[in-house]
């Protein structure tokens, strides 16, 4: 019978993959902006669609392909649907942090964590300071690794309906903070002040839900053994 790889070896392999993936994406950004005659970080105002032609559609497709790759790694590494979700979160977070780290190595960009970046294009432009996606990614890596470690050790994570509602609501609020200026940016405008209180509210909700799931984690069979012990104690006193 083959020995199952340890949690540390799996985590190391997943993170190395994510950082390699981040290197490729960072290199693509450098090549693309150099070919277009610009510098890395020269994003706003967005170029009109007539100037970039099919590049917008290709970029949207590349972003969708990236999400497919991230989900595929989670599916391959995880053994249950919840563990797959946890590993996907780790890949996403490590990839995003690595992306900015590699760009800084390649071109010294971003010059600061407060630099405004175009984060995503699906379904509308997402815009925010670099520190905000990095904060989200740190949370994804931290909570993802914590959940995957417990699940690989045979623990049970009890995810109640309210965890999903609060967690998803928090994520949607974070996305909202990135897209409030979408219409103006599409029309060629510049990003306004980032609504960080909206971001903070969304992060708070998501962190509360994830933290409570981890807090309630128990080794498989612990609740059953506790019930049996209580029953035996009750019989002994009767």
Protein backbone atom coordinates (compact mmCIF):
# COMPACT_ATOMS: atom_id res chain seq x y z
CA UNK A 1 0.00 0.00 0.00
CA UNK A 2 1.51 3.34 -1.07
CA UNK A 3 2.21 5.91 1.61
CA UNK A 4 0.18 9.11 1.44
CA UNK A 5 2.29 12.28 1.08
CA UNK A 6 2.54 14.42 4.20
CA UNK A 7 0.68 17.68 4.57
CA UNK A 8 3.94 19.65 4.46
CA UNK A 9 5.08 18.07 1.22
CA UNK A 10 1.71 18.68 -0.44
CA UNK A 11 1.59 22.28 0.81
CA UNK A 12 5.13 22.94 -0.42
CA UNK A 13 4.35 21.50 -3.85
CA UNK A 14 1.14 23.51 -4.17
CA UNK A 15 2.85 26.77 -3.18
CA UNK A 16 5.81 26.14 -5.51
CA UNK A 17 3.34 25.53 -8.34
CA UNK A 18 1.48 28.76 -7.53
CA UNK A 19 4.72 30.78 -7.48
CA UNK A 20 5.80 29.28 -10.82
CA UNK A 21 2.40 30.14 -12.23
CA UNK A 22 2.82 33.69 -10.88
CA UNK A 23 6.20 33.96 -12.61
CA UNK A 24 4.63 33.06 -15.95
CA UNK A 25 1.85 35.62 -15.53
CA UNK A 26 4.26 38.33 -14.47
CA UNK A 27 6.44 37.60 -17.50
CA UNK A 28 3.39 37.78 -19.78
CA UNK A 29 2.49 41.22 -18.38
CA UNK A 30 6.03 42.48 -18.98
CA UNK A 31 6.06 41.13 -22.55
CA UNK A 32 2.60 42.50 -23.35
CA UNK A 33 3.14 46.00 -22.07
CA UNK A 34 6.58 46.18 -23.70
CA UNK A 35 5.08 45.07 -27.02
CA UNK A 36 2.39 47.74 -26.69
CA UNK A 37 5.03 50.40 -26.14
CA UNK A 38 4.23 51.07 -22.50
CA UNK A 39 5.73 50.48 -19.09
CA UNK A 40 4.54 48.02 -16.48
CA UNK A 41 2.01 49.83 -14.32
CA UNK A 42 0.81 52.24 -17.02
CA UNK A 43 -2.83 51.19 -16.87
CA UNK A 44 -5.11 54.20 -16.46
CA UNK A 45 -6.89 55.53 -18.34
CA UNK A 46 -7.78 52.29 -20.09
CA UNK A 47 -7.10 52.24 -23.79
CA UNK A 48 -10.18 52.31 -26.04
CA UNK A 49 -11.25 48.96 -27.43
CA UNK A 50 -10.50 50.22 -30.94
CA UNK A 51 -6.79 50.51 -30.04
CA UNK A 52 -6.30 47.10 -28.46
CA UNK A 53 -8.54 45.09 -30.77
CA UNK A 54 -8.94 41.47 -29.72
CA UNK A 55 -6.55 41.83 -26.79
CA UNK A 56 -9.40 42.52 -24.36
CA UNK A 57 -11.16 39.28 -25.29
CA UNK A 58 -7.87 37.39 -25.10
CA UNK A 59 -7.13 38.87 -21.68
CA UNK A 60 -10.57 37.94 -20.37
CA UNK A 61 -10.02 34.42 -21.68
CA UNK A 62 -6.62 34.27 -19.98
CA UNK A 63 -8.17 35.27 -16.66
CA UNK A 64 -10.85 32.60 -17.04
CA UNK A 65 -8.16 30.03 -17.92
CA UNK A 66 -6.24 31.02 -14.77
CA UNK A 67 -9.30 30.30 -12.63
CA UNK A 68 -9.70 26.91 -14.34
CA UNK A 69 -6.06 26.05 -13.57
CA UNK A 70 -6.46 27.05 -9.92
CA UNK A 71 -9.63 24.97 -9.56
CA UNK A 72 -7.99 22.01 -11.32
CA UNK A 73 -5.08 21.97 -8.86
CA UNK A 74 -7.51 22.01 -5.95
CA UNK A 75 -9.47 19.13 -7.51
CA UNK A 76 -6.32 17.08 -8.06
CA UNK A 77 -4.77 17.63 -4.63
CA UNK A 78 -7.82 17.57 -2.38
CA UNK A 79 -9.56 14.36 -1.35
CA UNK A 80 -12.95 15.85 -0.43
CA UNK A 81 -14.82 18.80 -1.90
CA UNK A 82 -14.03 20.92 1.17
CA UNK A 83 -10.32 20.09 1.03
CA UNK A 84 -10.32 20.87 -2.70
CA UNK A 85 -11.81 24.28 -1.94
CA UNK A 86 -9.14 24.87 0.71
CA UNK A 87 -6.27 24.00 -1.64
CA UNK A 88 -7.78 26.16 -4.39
CA UNK A 89 -7.77 29.08 -1.94
CA UNK A 90 -4.09 28.41 -1.18
CA UNK A 91 -3.18 28.34 -4.88
CA UNK A 92 -5.11 31.54 -5.60
CA UNK A 93 -3.58 33.43 -2.69
CA UNK A 94 0.01 32.29 -3.28
CA UNK A 95 -0.31 32.99 -7.01
CA UNK A 96 -1.58 36.54 -6.43
CA UNK A 97 1.11 37.40 -3.88
CA UNK A 98 3.77 35.86 -6.11
CA UNK A 99 2.50 37.81 -9.11
CA UNK A 100 3.18 41.16 -7.45
CA UNK A 101 6.47 39.91 -6.01
CA UNK A 102 7.73 38.82 -9.45
CA UNK A 103 6.64 42.09 -11.08
CA UNK A 104 8.61 43.95 -8.46
CA UNK A 105 11.64 41.80 -9.20
CA UNK A 106 11.24 42.27 -12.97
CA UNK A 107 10.44 45.97 -13.14
CA UNK A 108 10.31 47.43 -9.63
CA UNK A 109 6.52 47.63 -9.80
CA UNK A 110 4.44 48.30 -7.79
CA UNK A 111 6.47 51.04 -6.13
CA UNK A 112 4.27 50.80 -3.02
CA UNK A 113 1.38 48.75 -1.67
CA UNK A 114 -0.84 51.79 -2.17
CA UNK A 115 -0.38 51.72 -5.94
CA UNK A 116 -3.69 51.38 -7.80
CA UNK A 117 -3.94 48.33 -10.04
CA UNK A 118 -6.39 46.82 -12.50
CA UNK A 119 -7.08 43.55 -10.70
CA UNK A 120 -9.54 41.75 -12.94
CA UNK A 121 -11.81 42.21 -15.96
CA UNK A 122 -14.59 39.70 -15.28
CA UNK A 123 -17.37 40.77 -15.65
CA UNK A 124 -16.32 44.43 -15.27
CA UNK A 125 -12.99 46.03 -14.33
CA UNK A 126 -11.91 45.52 -10.71
CA UNK A 127 -9.68 48.31 -9.40
CA UNK A 128 -7.99 48.77 -6.05
CA UNK A 129 -4.70 49.44 -4.25
CA UNK A 130 -2.24 46.56 -4.29
CA UNK A 131 -2.46 46.08 -0.52
CA UNK A 132 -6.11 45.02 -0.78
CA UNK A 133 -5.72 41.91 -3.01
CA UNK A 134 -2.56 41.06 -1.05
CA UNK A 135 -4.60 41.17 2.18
CA UNK A 136 -7.24 38.92 0.63
CA UNK A 137 -4.54 36.54 -0.60
CA UNK A 138 -2.85 36.34 2.80
CA UNK A 139 -6.22 35.40 4.31
CA UNK A 140 -6.85 32.80 1.59
CA UNK A 141 -3.45 31.17 2.12
CA UNK A 142 -3.73 31.24 5.91
CA UNK A 143 -7.27 29.91 6.20
CA UNK A 144 -6.77 27.53 3.28
CA UNK A 145 -3.69 25.91 4.82
CA UNK A 146 -5.34 25.74 8.25
CA UNK A 147 -8.43 24.03 6.83
CA UNK A 148 -6.44 21.67 4.57
CA UNK A 149 -4.20 20.65 7.46
CA UNK A 150 -7.14 19.73 9.66
CA UNK A 151 -8.91 17.87 6.87
CA UNK A 152 -5.78 15.92 5.90
CA UNK A 153 -5.33 14.96 9.56
CA UNK A 154 -8.82 13.45 9.57
CA UNK A 155 -10.64 16.27 11.29
CA UNK A 156 -14.18 17.27 10.44
CA UNK A 157 -15.11 20.82 9.52
CA UNK A 158 -18.74 21.58 10.20
CA UNK A 159 -19.82 24.33 7.82
CA UNK A 160 -23.24 25.63 8.81
CA UNK A 161 -25.52 27.48 6.38
CA UNK A 162 -24.80 30.77 8.12
CA UNK A 163 -21.08 30.29 7.48
CA UNK A 164 -21.76 30.13 3.74
CA UNK A 165 -24.14 33.09 3.80
CA UNK A 166 -21.83 35.34 5.80
CA UNK A 167 -18.67 34.21 3.98
CA UNK A 168 -20.13 34.66 0.50
CA UNK A 169 -21.68 37.99 1.49
CA UNK A 170 -18.29 39.16 2.74
CA UNK A 171 -16.64 38.13 -0.51
CA UNK A 172 -19.26 39.92 -2.60
CA UNK A 173 -18.83 43.10 -0.54
CA UNK A 174 -15.07 42.96 -1.14
CA UNK A 175 -15.72 42.61 -4.88
CA UNK A 176 -18.15 45.52 -4.69
CA UNK A 177 -15.38 47.72 -3.28
CA UNK A 178 -13.35 46.99 -6.43
CA UNK A 179 -16.13 47.62 -8.93
CA UNK A 180 -17.86 50.78 -7.71
CA UNK A 181 -15.88 52.85 -10.25
CA UNK A 182 -16.27 50.31 -13.08
CA UNK A 183 -18.52 52.43 -15.32
CA UNK A 184 -16.29 55.46 -15.21
CA UNK A 185 -13.16 53.40 -15.81
CA UNK A 186 -14.75 51.69 -18.83
CA UNK A 187 -15.52 55.16 -20.20
CA UNK A 188 -11.85 56.15 -19.91
CA UNK A 189 -11.91 57.82 -16.50
CA UNK A 190 -9.46 57.50 -13.64
CA UNK A 191 -10.13 55.54 -10.44
CA UNK A 192 -11.52 57.54 -7.56
CA UNK A 193 -10.58 57.14 -3.88
CA UNK A 194 -10.71 53.48 -2.87
CA UNK A 195 -13.68 52.74 -0.56
CA UNK A 196 -11.62 50.87 2.00
CA UNK A 197 -14.40 50.83 4.66
CA UNK A 198 -16.49 48.72 2.25
CA UNK A 199 -13.51 46.39 1.77
CA UNK A 200 -12.93 46.19 5.53
CA UNK A 201 -16.57 45.29 6.19
CA UNK A 202 -16.46 42.50 3.63
CA UNK A 203 -13.18 41.12 4.96
CA UNK A 204 -14.50 41.18 8.51
CA UNK A 205 -17.55 39.11 7.57
CA UNK A 206 -15.50 36.56 5.64
CA UNK A 207 -12.86 36.24 8.39
CA UNK A 208 -15.50 35.79 11.09
CA UNK A 209 -17.17 32.97 9.14
CA UNK A 210 -13.88 31.21 8.30
CA UNK A 211 -12.56 31.56 11.85
CA UNK A 212 -15.69 30.04 13.33
CA UNK A 213 -15.49 27.05 10.97
CA UNK A 214 -11.92 26.38 12.10
CA UNK A 215 -12.83 26.92 15.75
CA UNK A 216 -15.53 24.25 15.52
CA UNK A 217 -13.25 21.69 13.83
CA UNK A 218 -13.08 18.36 15.67
CA UNK A 219 -11.34 15.02 15.08
CA UNK A 220 -13.70 12.57 13.39
CA UNK A 221 -15.53 10.54 16.02
CA UNK A 222 -14.83 12.91 18.90
CA UNK A 223 -18.47 13.98 19.27
CA UNK A 224 -19.63 10.38 19.09
CA UNK A 225 -17.14 9.29 21.77
CA UNK A 226 -18.20 12.18 23.97
CA UNK A 227 -21.86 11.17 23.63
CA UNK A 228 -20.99 7.56 24.47
CA UNK A 229 -19.03 8.65 27.52
CA UNK A 230 -21.94 10.81 28.69
CA UNK A 231 -24.36 7.91 28.20
CA UNK A 232 -22.12 5.55 30.16
CA UNK A 233 -21.78 8.07 32.99
CA UNK A 234 -25.55 8.47 33.09
CA UNK A 235 -26.04 4.69 33.29
CA UNK A 236 -23.47 4.38 36.07
CA UNK A 237 -25.29 6.95 38.21
CA UNK A 238 -28.77 5.52 37.58
